[in-house]
Amino acid sequence: MGVDDEWRGIRGTFHILAGVDVDPDTYRDFEMLTGALAVQMDL
């Protein structure tokens, strides 16, 4: 998932690479909402 936008003639882009969370329900929701990889990990 990524976003392209422009503001005052300046173009910006970002892409979600991955997410990390300790809660399995949260990381599954993250994957569903963003389409990006999520990893369950207790840092």
Protein backbone atom coordinates (compact mmCIF):
# COMPACT_ATOMS: atom_id res chain seq x y z
CA MET A 1 0.00 0.00 0.00
CA GLY A 2 1.26 3.46 -0.78
CA VAL A 3 0.06 6.99 -1.26
CA ASP A 4 0.97 9.57 -3.88
CA ASP A 5 -0.03 13.18 -3.27
CA GLU A 6 0.93 16.67 -4.27
CA TRP A 7 1.03 19.89 -2.24
CA ARG A 8 2.02 23.24 -3.72
CA GLY A 9 3.66 21.54 -6.67
CA ILE A 10 5.72 19.19 -4.49
CA ARG A 11 4.99 15.52 -5.05
CA GLY A 12 5.28 13.08 -2.13
CA THR A 13 5.06 9.30 -1.93
CA PHE A 14 5.20 6.76 0.87
CA HIS A 15 4.92 2.98 0.99
CA ILE A 16 4.25 0.78 4.01
CA LEU A 17 6.94 -1.90 4.23
CA ALA A 18 5.77 -3.83 7.31
CA GLY A 19 4.33 -3.55 10.80
CA VAL A 20 5.36 -5.12 14.11
CA ASP A 21 3.04 -5.77 17.05
CA VAL A 22 2.84 -8.15 20.00
CA ASP A 23 -0.94 -8.68 19.71
CA PRO A 24 -1.96 -11.26 17.06
CA ASP A 25 -5.40 -9.68 16.48
CA THR A 26 -3.83 -6.28 15.89
CA TYR A 27 -1.27 -7.47 13.36
CA ARG A 28 -3.94 -9.43 11.45
CA ASP A 29 -6.06 -6.27 11.29
CA PHE A 30 -3.01 -4.31 10.10
CA GLU A 31 -2.42 -6.79 7.26
CA MET A 32 -6.09 -6.72 6.28
CA LEU A 33 -6.31 -2.90 6.29
CA THR A 34 -2.97 -2.11 4.62
CA GLY A 35 -2.15 -5.17 2.54
CA ALA A 36 1.39 -4.99 3.99
CA LEU A 37 3.24 -7.69 5.91
CA ALA A 38 2.91 -7.71 9.70
CA VAL A 39 5.12 -9.59 12.16
CA GLN A 40 4.19 -10.69 15.67
CA MET A 41 7.13 -9.96 17.94
CA ASP A 42 7.63 -9.00 21.59
CA LEU A 43 10.48 -6.52 21.58
